Every structure is written in structure tokens, then in C-alpha cells.
């Protein structure tokens, strides 16, 4: 997979995580930041923003699975391990 394909795949994973959240969260600060970071290709920061939201609100396992997938592709092993623990609980 080339760099462009990897980037698109990570963006897709982050979008999967965002899509399981209700539309009503669009005004939440962390979700606004997620969109801003995504627009600037700051994928790790976008991932962190989604995690911040989820640390304050209940989210389904599919959310954590999508974040874990993105973190693994970005070689963020600490992030991926945190998300894996959330999936297992």
C-alpha cells in the first residue's frame, strides 16, 4: 500500500468511528476539532479528538474497533493498546 492509499485508509477508519456517533454530537468541541484536524490532514490529532469525546460519552464497540484500526495503521501502538482494552471490556 502506498502512502496515499494508507492515508485514505486511515481517514476511512476515522470516518467509521465518527459515523457510529449520533449527528447531535456535531456541536461538541471534540467533534468540531476532529473535523478541523481532518481537514488539515492531522490524522493523529483527529484520532485523539474522537478519543476525547468517547472518554466522556458512551460509544459502541464499533467506535473503538475503528479507532484501533486507524491507530495500528499510524503505528500508534500505545493508542491501539488503549483501544483494544476498551473493546475487550
PDB file of N, CA and C in Angstrom:
ATOM      1  N   UNK A   1       0.853  -1.168   0.000  1.00  0.00           N
ATOM      2  CA  UNK A   1       0.000   0.000   0.000  1.00  0.00           C
ATOM      3  C   UNK A   1       0.907   1.241   0.000  1.00  0.00           C
ATOM      4  N   UNK A   2       0.675   2.143  -0.936  1.00  0.00           N
ATOM      5  CA  UNK A   2       1.485   3.355  -0.967  1.00  0.00           C
ATOM      6  C   UNK A   2       0.972   4.365   0.062  1.00  0.00           C
ATOM      7  N   UNK A   3       1.719   5.445   0.236  1.00  0.00           N
ATOM      8  CA  UNK A   3       1.403   6.431   1.278  1.00  0.00           C
ATOM      9  C   UNK A   3      -0.006   7.018   1.102  1.00  0.00           C
ATOM     10  N   UNK A   4      -0.367   7.340  -0.123  1.00  0.00           N
ATOM     11  CA  UNK A   4      -1.703   7.916  -0.394  1.00  0.00           C
ATOM     12  C   UNK A   4      -2.804   6.933  -0.026  1.00  0.00           C
ATOM     13  N   UNK A   5      -2.641   5.682  -0.408  1.00  0.00           N
ATOM     14  CA  UNK A   5      -3.637   4.661  -0.081  1.00  0.00           C
ATOM     15  C   UNK A   5      -3.741   4.469   1.427  1.00  0.00           C
ATOM     16  N   UNK A   6      -2.606   4.495   2.112  1.00  0.00           N
ATOM     17  CA  UNK A   6      -2.602   4.351   3.565  1.00  0.00           C
ATOM     18  C   UNK A   6      -3.364   5.509   4.206  1.00  0.00           C
ATOM     19  N   UNK A   7      -3.098   6.721   3.745  1.00  0.00           N
ATOM     20  CA  UNK A   7      -3.764   7.915   4.269  1.00  0.00           C
ATOM     21  C   UNK A   7      -5.277   7.791   4.106  1.00  0.00           C
ATOM     22  N   UNK A   8      -5.709   7.387   2.926  1.00  0.00           N
ATOM     23  CA  UNK A   8      -7.141   7.226   2.643  1.00  0.00           C
ATOM     24  C   UNK A   8      -7.739   6.158   3.547  1.00  0.00           C
ATOM     25  N   UNK A   9      -7.015   5.086   3.753  1.00  0.00           N
ATOM     26  CA  UNK A   9      -7.498   4.009   4.617  1.00  0.00           C
ATOM     27  C   UNK A   9      -7.655   4.483   6.063  1.00  0.00           C
ATOM     28  N   UNK A  10      -6.702   5.266   6.546  1.00  0.00           N
ATOM     29  CA  UNK A  10      -6.781   5.803   7.910  1.00  0.00           C
ATOM     30  C   UNK A  10      -7.966   6.758   8.021  1.00  0.00           C
ATOM     31  N   UNK A  11      -8.126   7.633   7.033  1.00  0.00           N
ATOM     32  CA  UNK A  11      -9.270   8.549   7.031  1.00  0.00           C
ATOM     33  C   UNK A  11     -10.586   7.777   7.057  1.00  0.00           C
ATOM     34  N   UNK A  12     -10.634   6.671   6.324  1.00  0.00           N
ATOM     35  CA  UNK A  12     -11.832   5.825   6.303  1.00  0.00           C
ATOM     36  C   UNK A  12     -12.107   5.241   7.694  1.00  0.00           C
ATOM     37  N   UNK A  13     -11.068   4.772   8.360  1.00  0.00           N
ATOM     38  CA  UNK A  13     -11.234   4.227   9.714  1.00  0.00           C
ATOM     39  C   UNK A  13     -11.756   5.297  10.673  1.00  0.00           C
ATOM     40  N   UNK A  14     -11.185   6.492  10.599  1.00  0.00           N
ATOM     41  CA  UNK A  14     -11.647   7.576  11.464  1.00  0.00           C
ATOM     42  C   UNK A  14     -13.095   7.940  11.155  1.00  0.00           C
ATOM     43  N   UNK A  15     -13.448   7.949   9.878  1.00  0.00           N
ATOM     44  CA  UNK A  15     -14.833   8.234   9.485  1.00  0.00           C
ATOM     45  C   UNK A  15     -15.782   7.154  10.003  1.00  0.00           C
ATOM     46  N   UNK A  16     -15.339   5.902   9.988  1.00  0.00           N
ATOM     47  CA  UNK A  16     -16.163   4.815  10.541  1.00  0.00           C
ATOM     48  C   UNK A  16     -16.461   5.062  12.006  1.00  0.00           C
ATOM     49  N   UNK A  17     -15.445   5.505  12.741  1.00  0.00           N
ATOM     50  CA  UNK A  17     -15.651   5.802  14.165  1.00  0.00           C
ATOM     51  C   UNK A  17     -16.646   6.940  14.324  1.00  0.00           C
ATOM     52  N   UNK A  18     -16.482   7.999  13.576  1.00  0.00           N
ATOM     53  CA  UNK A  18     -17.376   9.155  13.672  1.00  0.00           C
ATOM     54  C   UNK A  18     -18.809   8.785  13.281  1.00  0.00           C
ATOM     55  N   UNK A  19     -18.968   7.919  12.300  1.00  0.00           N
ATOM     56  CA  UNK A  19     -20.292   7.577  11.787  1.00  0.00           C
ATOM     57  C   UNK A  19     -21.155   6.806  12.779  1.00  0.00           C
ATOM     58  N   UNK A  20     -20.551   6.157  13.753  1.00  0.00           N
ATOM     59  CA  UNK A  20     -21.367   5.434  14.734  1.00  0.00           C
ATOM     60  C   UNK A  20     -21.908   6.372  15.811  1.00  0.00           C
ATOM     61  N   UNK A  21     -21.441   7.617  15.803  1.00  0.00           N
ATOM     62  CA  UNK A  21     -21.925   8.602  16.771  1.00  0.00           C
ATOM     63  C   UNK A  21     -23.153   9.306  16.197  1.00  0.00           C
ATOM     64  N   UNK A  22     -24.063   9.723  17.055  1.00  0.00           N
ATOM     65  CA  UNK A  22     -25.256  10.420  16.543  1.00  0.00           C
ATOM     66  C   UNK A  22     -24.892  11.796  15.970  1.00  0.00           C
ATOM     67  N   UNK A  23     -25.706  12.279  15.050  1.00  0.00           N
ATOM     68  CA  UNK A  23     -25.466  13.592  14.439  1.00  0.00           C
ATOM     69  C   UNK A  23     -25.510  14.716  15.459  1.00  0.00           C
ATOM     70  N   UNK A  24     -26.170  14.492  16.563  1.00  0.00           N
ATOM     71  CA  UNK A  24     -26.291  15.535  17.583  1.00  0.00           C
ATOM     72  C   UNK A  24     -24.941  15.911  18.199  1.00  0.00           C
ATOM     73  N   UNK A  25     -23.913  15.105  17.992  1.00  0.00           N
ATOM     74  CA  UNK A  25     -22.592  15.401  18.575  1.00  0.00           C
ATOM     75  C   UNK A  25     -21.796  16.398  17.738  1.00  0.00           C
ATOM     76  N   UNK A  26     -22.316  16.793  16.600  1.00  0.00           N
ATOM     77  CA  UNK A  26     -21.579  17.680  15.700  1.00  0.00           C
ATOM     78  C   UNK A  26     -21.152  18.979  16.370  1.00  0.00           C
ATOM     79  N   UNK A  27     -21.909  19.428  17.348  1.00  0.00           N
ATOM     80  CA  UNK A  27     -21.578  20.688  18.013  1.00  0.00           C
ATOM     81  C   UNK A  27     -20.640  20.500  19.197  1.00  0.00           C
ATOM     82  N   UNK A  28     -20.347  19.274  19.554  1.00  0.00           N
ATOM     83  CA  UNK A  28     -19.421  19.013  20.660  1.00  0.00           C
ATOM     84  C   UNK A  28     -18.018  19.485  20.253  1.00  0.00           C
ATOM     85  N   UNK A  29     -17.313  20.110  21.172  1.00  0.00           N
ATOM     86  CA  UNK A  29     -15.995  20.679  20.879  1.00  0.00           C
ATOM     87  C   UNK A  29     -15.025  19.647  20.306  1.00  0.00           C
ATOM     88  N   UNK A  30     -14.974  18.453  20.881  1.00  0.00           N
ATOM     89  CA  UNK A  30     -14.036  17.436  20.408  1.00  0.00           C
ATOM     90  C   UNK A  30     -14.357  17.013  18.969  1.00  0.00           C
ATOM     91  N   UNK A  31     -15.623  16.943  18.630  1.00  0.00           N
ATOM     92  CA  UNK A  31     -16.015  16.543  17.274  1.00  0.00           C
ATOM     93  C   UNK A  31     -15.713  17.672  16.291  1.00  0.00           C
ATOM     94  N   UNK A  32     -15.920  18.901  16.709  1.00  0.00           N
ATOM     95  CA  UNK A  32     -15.538  20.043  15.860  1.00  0.00           C
ATOM     96  C   UNK A  32     -14.036  20.027  15.600  1.00  0.00           C
ATOM     97  N   UNK A  33     -13.263  19.742  16.637  1.00  0.00           N
ATOM     98  CA  UNK A  33     -11.807  19.658  16.477  1.00  0.00           C
ATOM     99  C   UNK A  33     -11.435  18.503  15.558  1.00  0.00           C
ATOM    100  N   UNK A  34     -12.122  17.376  15.693  1.00  0.00           N
ATOM    101  CA  UNK A  34     -11.877  16.229  14.816  1.00  0.00           C
ATOM    102  C   UNK A  34     -11.980  16.663  13.357  1.00  0.00           C
ATOM    103  N   UNK A  35     -13.070  17.349  13.018  1.00  0.00           N
ATOM    104  CA  UNK A  35     -13.263  17.787  11.635  1.00  0.00           C
ATOM    105  C   UNK A  35     -12.182  18.781  11.200  1.00  0.00           C
ATOM    106  N   UNK A  36     -11.804  19.669  12.096  1.00  0.00           N
ATOM    107  CA  UNK A  36     -10.752  20.642  11.776  1.00  0.00           C
ATOM    108  C   UNK A  36      -9.425  19.935  11.528  1.00  0.00           C
ATOM    109  N   UNK A  37      -9.048  19.023  12.418  1.00  0.00           N
ATOM    110  CA  UNK A  37      -7.794  18.289  12.257  1.00  0.00           C
ATOM    111  C   UNK A  37      -7.806  17.455  10.981  1.00  0.00           C
ATOM    112  N   UNK A  38      -8.919  16.821  10.705  1.00  0.00           N
ATOM    113  CA  UNK A  38      -9.039  16.008   9.500  1.00  0.00           C
ATOM    114  C   UNK A  38      -8.841  16.877   8.257  1.00  0.00           C
ATOM    115  N   UNK A  39      -9.401  18.076   8.277  1.00  0.00           N
ATOM    116  CA  UNK A  39      -9.249  18.992   7.159  1.00  0.00           C
ATOM    117  C   UNK A  39      -7.822  19.436   6.925  1.00  0.00           C
ATOM    118  N   UNK A  40      -6.991  19.365   7.973  1.00  0.00           N
ATOM    119  CA  UNK A  40      -5.585  19.739   7.857  1.00  0.00           C
ATOM    120  C   UNK A  40      -4.668  18.513   7.774  1.00  0.00           C
ATOM    121  N   UNK A  41      -5.253  17.339   7.532  1.00  0.00           N
ATOM    122  CA  UNK A  41      -4.501  16.083   7.439  1.00  0.00           C
ATOM    123  C   UNK A  41      -3.706  15.771   8.699  1.00  0.00           C
ATOM    124  N   UNK A  42      -4.214  16.188   9.831  1.00  0.00           N
ATOM    125  CA  UNK A  42      -3.614  15.872  11.131  1.00  0.00           C
ATOM    126  C   UNK A  42      -4.355  14.656  11.695  1.00  0.00           C
ATOM    127  N   UNK A  43      -4.045  13.492  11.146  1.00  0.00           N
ATOM    128  CA  UNK A  43      -4.824  12.295  11.452  1.00  0.00           C
ATOM    129  C   UNK A  43      -4.677  11.841  12.897  1.00  0.00           C
ATOM    130  N   UNK A  44      -3.489  11.935  13.455  1.00  0.00           N
ATOM    131  CA  UNK A  44      -3.320  11.538  14.859  1.00  0.00           C
ATOM    132  C   UNK A  44      -4.115  12.457  15.773  1.00  0.00           C
ATOM    133  N   UNK A  45      -4.093  13.752  15.511  1.00  0.00           N
ATOM    134  CA  UNK A  45      -4.870  14.689  16.328  1.00  0.00           C
ATOM    135  C   UNK A  45      -6.367  14.455  16.156  1.00  0.00           C
ATOM    136  N   UNK A  46      -6.790  14.104  14.951  1.00  0.00           N
ATOM    137  CA  UNK A  46      -8.201  13.789  14.709  1.00  0.00           C
ATOM    138  C   UNK A  46      -8.607  12.556  15.519  1.00  0.00           C
ATOM    139  N   UNK A  47      -7.743  11.574  15.551  1.00  0.00           N
ATOM    140  CA  UNK A  47      -7.972  10.366  16.335  1.00  0.00           C
ATOM    141  C   UNK A  47      -8.074  10.711  17.820  1.00  0.00           C
ATOM    142  N   UNK A  48      -7.167  11.548  18.289  1.00  0.00           N
ATOM    143  CA  UNK A  48      -7.181  11.970  19.693  1.00  0.00           C
ATOM    144  C   UNK A  48      -8.471  12.709  20.048  1.00  0.00           C
ATOM    145  N   UNK A  49      -8.964  13.525  19.134  1.00  0.00           N
ATOM    146  CA  UNK A  49     -10.200  14.267  19.387  1.00  0.00           C
ATOM    147  C   UNK A  49     -11.379  13.309  19.534  1.00  0.00           C
ATOM    148  N   UNK A  50     -11.441  12.299  18.684  1.00  0.00           N
ATOM    149  CA  UNK A  50     -12.515  11.311  18.816  1.00  0.00           C
ATOM    150  C   UNK A  50     -12.395  10.568  20.145  1.00  0.00           C
ATOM    151  N   UNK A  51     -11.184  10.233  20.523  1.00  0.00           N
ATOM    152  CA  UNK A  51     -10.973   9.545  21.803  1.00  0.00           C
ATOM    153  C   UNK A  51     -11.428  10.426  22.970  1.00  0.00           C
ATOM    154  N   UNK A  52     -11.119  11.725  22.914  1.00  0.00           N
ATOM    155  CA  UNK A  52     -11.549  12.644  23.981  1.00  0.00           C
ATOM    156  C   UNK A  52     -13.066  12.628  24.123  1.00  0.00           C
ATOM    157  N   UNK A  53     -13.762  12.662  22.999  1.00  0.00           N
ATOM    158  CA  UNK A  53     -15.223  12.609  23.052  1.00  0.00           C
ATOM    159  C   UNK A  53     -15.674  11.309  23.733  1.00  0.00           C
ATOM    160  N   UNK A  54     -15.106  10.193  23.309  1.00  0.00           N
ATOM    161  CA  UNK A  54     -15.527   8.884  23.807  1.00  0.00           C
ATOM    162  C   UNK A  54     -15.171   8.674  25.273  1.00  0.00           C
ATOM    163  N   UNK A  55     -14.176   9.372  25.776  1.00  0.00           N
ATOM    164  CA  UNK A  55     -13.840   9.257  27.189  1.00  0.00           C
ATOM    165  C   UNK A  55     -14.888   9.919  28.076  1.00  0.00           C
ATOM    166  N   UNK A  56     -15.706  10.771  27.484  1.00  0.00           N
ATOM    167  CA  UNK A  56     -16.746  11.476  28.235  1.00  0.00           C
ATOM    168  C   UNK A  56     -18.155  10.962  27.952  1.00  0.00           C
ATOM    169  N   UNK A  57     -18.309  10.144  26.895  1.00  0.00           N
ATOM    170  CA  UNK A  57     -19.633   9.685  26.472  1.00  0.00           C
ATOM    171  C   UNK A  57     -19.577   8.201  26.120  1.00  0.00           C
ATOM    172  N   UNK A  58     -20.676   7.510  26.333  1.00  0.00           N
ATOM    173  CA  UNK A  58     -20.689   6.095  25.936  1.00  0.00           C
ATOM    174  C   UNK A  58     -20.686   5.966  24.411  1.00  0.00           C
ATOM    175  N   UNK A  59     -19.896   5.032  23.921  1.00  0.00           N
ATOM    176  CA  UNK A  59     -19.830   4.754  22.482  1.00  0.00           C
ATOM    177  C   UNK A  59     -19.845   3.241  22.284  1.00  0.00           C
ATOM    178  N   UNK A  60     -20.306   2.782  21.124  1.00  0.00           N
ATOM    179  CA  UNK A  60     -20.332   1.332  20.877  1.00  0.00           C
ATOM    180  C   UNK A  60     -18.936   0.780  20.579  1.00  0.00           C
ATOM    181  N   UNK A  61     -18.799  -0.515  20.680  1.00  0.00           N
ATOM    182  CA  UNK A  61     -17.515  -1.167  20.398  1.00  0.00           C
ATOM    183  C   UNK A  61     -17.008  -0.871  18.991  1.00  0.00           C
ATOM    184  N   UNK A  62     -17.933  -0.716  18.029  1.00  0.00           N
ATOM    185  CA  UNK A  62     -17.510  -0.430  16.655  1.00  0.00           C
ATOM    186  C   UNK A  62     -16.666   0.841  16.584  1.00  0.00           C
ATOM    187  N   UNK A  63     -16.951   1.791  17.455  1.00  0.00           N
ATOM    188  CA  UNK A  63     -16.171   3.023  17.521  1.00  0.00           C
ATOM    189  C   UNK A  63     -14.724   2.697  17.860  1.00  0.00           C
ATOM    190  N   UNK A  64     -14.529   1.917  18.929  1.00  0.00           N
ATOM    191  CA  UNK A  64     -13.168   1.575  19.373  1.00  0.00           C
ATOM    192  C   UNK A  64     -12.441   0.707  18.354  1.00  0.00           C
ATOM    193  N   UNK A  65     -13.172  -0.166  17.689  1.00  0.00           N
ATOM    194  CA  UNK A  65     -12.557  -1.014  16.658  1.00  0.00           C
ATOM    195  C   UNK A  65     -12.021  -0.145  15.526  1.00  0.00           C
ATOM    196  N   UNK A  66     -12.803   0.838  15.099  1.00  0.00           N
ATOM    197  CA  UNK A  66     -12.384   1.722  14.014  1.00  0.00           C
ATOM    198  C   UNK A  66     -11.168   2.559  14.442  1.00  0.00           C
ATOM    199  N   UNK A  67     -11.191   3.074  15.684  1.00  0.00           N
ATOM    200  CA  UNK A  67     -10.037   3.846  16.162  1.00  0.00           C
ATOM    201  C   UNK A  67      -8.795   2.967  16.274  1.00  0.00           C
ATOM    202  N   UNK A  68      -8.979   1.744  16.752  1.00  0.00           N
ATOM    203  CA  UNK A  68      -7.836   0.817  16.850  1.00  0.00           C
ATOM    204  C   UNK A  68      -7.235   0.564  15.471  1.00  0.00           C
ATOM    205  N   UNK A  69      -8.104   0.340  14.479  1.00  0.00           N
ATOM    206  CA  UNK A  69      -7.621   0.091  13.120  1.00  0.00           C
ATOM    207  C   UNK A  69      -6.805   1.281  12.608  1.00  0.00           C
ATOM    208  N   UNK A  70      -7.314   2.492  12.848  1.00  0.00           N
ATOM    209  CA  UNK A  70      -6.595   3.696  12.418  1.00  0.00           C
ATOM    210  C   UNK A  70      -5.266   3.814  13.150  1.00  0.00           C
ATOM    211  N   UNK A  71      -5.280   3.596  14.453  1.00  0.00           N
ATOM    212  CA  UNK A  71      -4.053   3.713  15.251  1.00  0.00           C
ATOM    213  C   UNK A  71      -3.000   2.707  14.799  1.00  0.00           C
ATOM    214  N   UNK A  72      -3.423   1.503  14.497  1.00  0.00           N
ATOM    215  CA  UNK A  72      -2.470   0.490  14.041  1.00  0.00           C
ATOM    216  C   UNK A  72      -1.827   0.911  12.724  1.00  0.00           C
ATOM    217  N   UNK A  73      -2.606   1.484  11.833  1.00  0.00           N
ATOM    218  CA  UNK A  73      -2.070   1.917  10.539  1.00  0.00           C
ATOM    219  C   UNK A  73      -1.130   3.113  10.692  1.00  0.00           C
ATOM    220  N   UNK A  74      -1.336   3.903  11.750  1.00  0.00           N
ATOM    221  CA  UNK A  74      -0.461   5.048  12.004  1.00  0.00           C
ATOM    222  C   UNK A  74       0.725   4.675  12.892  1.00  0.00           C
ATOM    223  N   UNK A  75       0.845   3.390  13.238  1.00  0.00           N
ATOM    224  CA  UNK A  75       1.910   2.897  14.117  1.00  0.00           C
ATOM    225  C   UNK A  75       1.869   3.553  15.491  1.00  0.00           C
ATOM    226  N   UNK A  76       0.666   3.789  15.988  1.00  0.00           N
ATOM    227  CA  UNK A  76       0.473   4.357  17.324  1.00  0.00           C
ATOM    228  C   UNK A  76       0.123   3.210  18.268  1.00  0.00           C
ATOM    229  N   UNK A  77       1.139   2.460  18.648  1.00  0.00           N
ATOM    230  CA  UNK A  77       0.901   1.229  19.408  1.00  0.00           C
ATOM    231  C   UNK A  77       0.263   1.498  20.775  1.00  0.00           C
ATOM    232  N   UNK A  78       0.626   2.581  21.444  1.00  0.00           N
ATOM    233  CA  UNK A  78       0.010   2.896  22.737  1.00  0.00           C
ATOM    234  C   UNK A  78      -1.480   3.187  22.573  1.00  0.00           C
ATOM    235  N   UNK A  79      -1.805   3.938  21.530  1.00  0.00           N
ATOM    236  CA  UNK A  79      -3.213   4.223  21.243  1.00  0.00           C
ATOM    237  C   UNK A  79      -3.959   2.912  20.976  1.00  0.00           C
ATOM    238  N   UNK A  80      -3.411   2.105  20.081  1.00  0.00           N
ATOM    239  CA  UNK A  80      -4.062   0.848  19.700  1.00  0.00           C
ATOM    240  C   UNK A  80      -4.280  -0.048  20.918  1.00  0.00           C
ATOM    241  N   UNK A  81      -3.312  -0.098  21.822  1.00  0.00           N
ATOM    242  CA  UNK A  81      -3.448  -0.913  23.034  1.00  0.00           C
ATOM    243  C   UNK A  81      -4.579  -0.376  23.919  1.00  0.00           C
ATOM    244  N   UNK A  82      -4.695   0.945  24.056  1.00  0.00           N
ATOM    245  CA  UNK A  82      -5.789   1.536  24.849  1.00  0.00           C
ATOM    246  C   UNK A  82      -7.138   1.171  24.254  1.00  0.00           C
ATOM    247  N   UNK A  83      -7.225   1.263  22.932  1.00  0.00           N
ATOM    248  CA  UNK A  83      -8.492   0.979  22.266  1.00  0.00           C
ATOM    249  C   UNK A  83      -8.832  -0.504  22.368  1.00  0.00           C
ATOM    250  N   UNK A  84      -7.823  -1.334  22.275  1.00  0.00           N
ATOM    251  CA  UNK A  84      -8.045  -2.782  22.397  1.00  0.00           C
ATOM    252  C   UNK A  84      -8.613  -3.122  23.774  1.00  0.00           C
ATOM    253  N   UNK A  85      -8.122  -2.450  24.804  1.00  0.00           N
ATOM    254  CA  UNK A  85      -8.661  -2.675  26.157  1.00  0.00           C
ATOM    255  C   UNK A  85     -10.120  -2.270  26.223  1.00  0.00           C
ATOM    256  N   UNK A  86     -10.493  -1.177  25.567  1.00  0.00           N
ATOM    257  CA  UNK A  86     -11.880  -0.726  25.569  1.00  0.00           C
ATOM    258  C   UNK A  86     -12.775  -1.727  24.845  1.00  0.00           C
ATOM    259  N   UNK A  87     -12.254  -2.333  23.773  1.00  0.00           N
ATOM    260  CA  UNK A  87     -13.017  -3.333  23.019  1.00  0.00           C
ATOM    261  C   UNK A  87     -13.239  -4.557  23.877  1.00  0.00           C
ATOM    262  N   UNK A  88     -12.236  -4.952  24.636  1.00  0.00           N
ATOM    263  CA  UNK A  88     -12.297  -6.175  25.439  1.00  0.00           C
ATOM    264  C   UNK A  88     -13.205  -6.051  26.654  1.00  0.00           C
ATOM    265  N   UNK A  89     -13.461  -4.832  27.104  1.00  0.00           N
ATOM    266  CA  UNK A  89     -14.302  -4.639  28.296  1.00  0.00           C
ATOM    267  C   UNK A  89     -15.761  -4.689  28.000  1.00  0.00           C
TER     268      UNK A  89
END
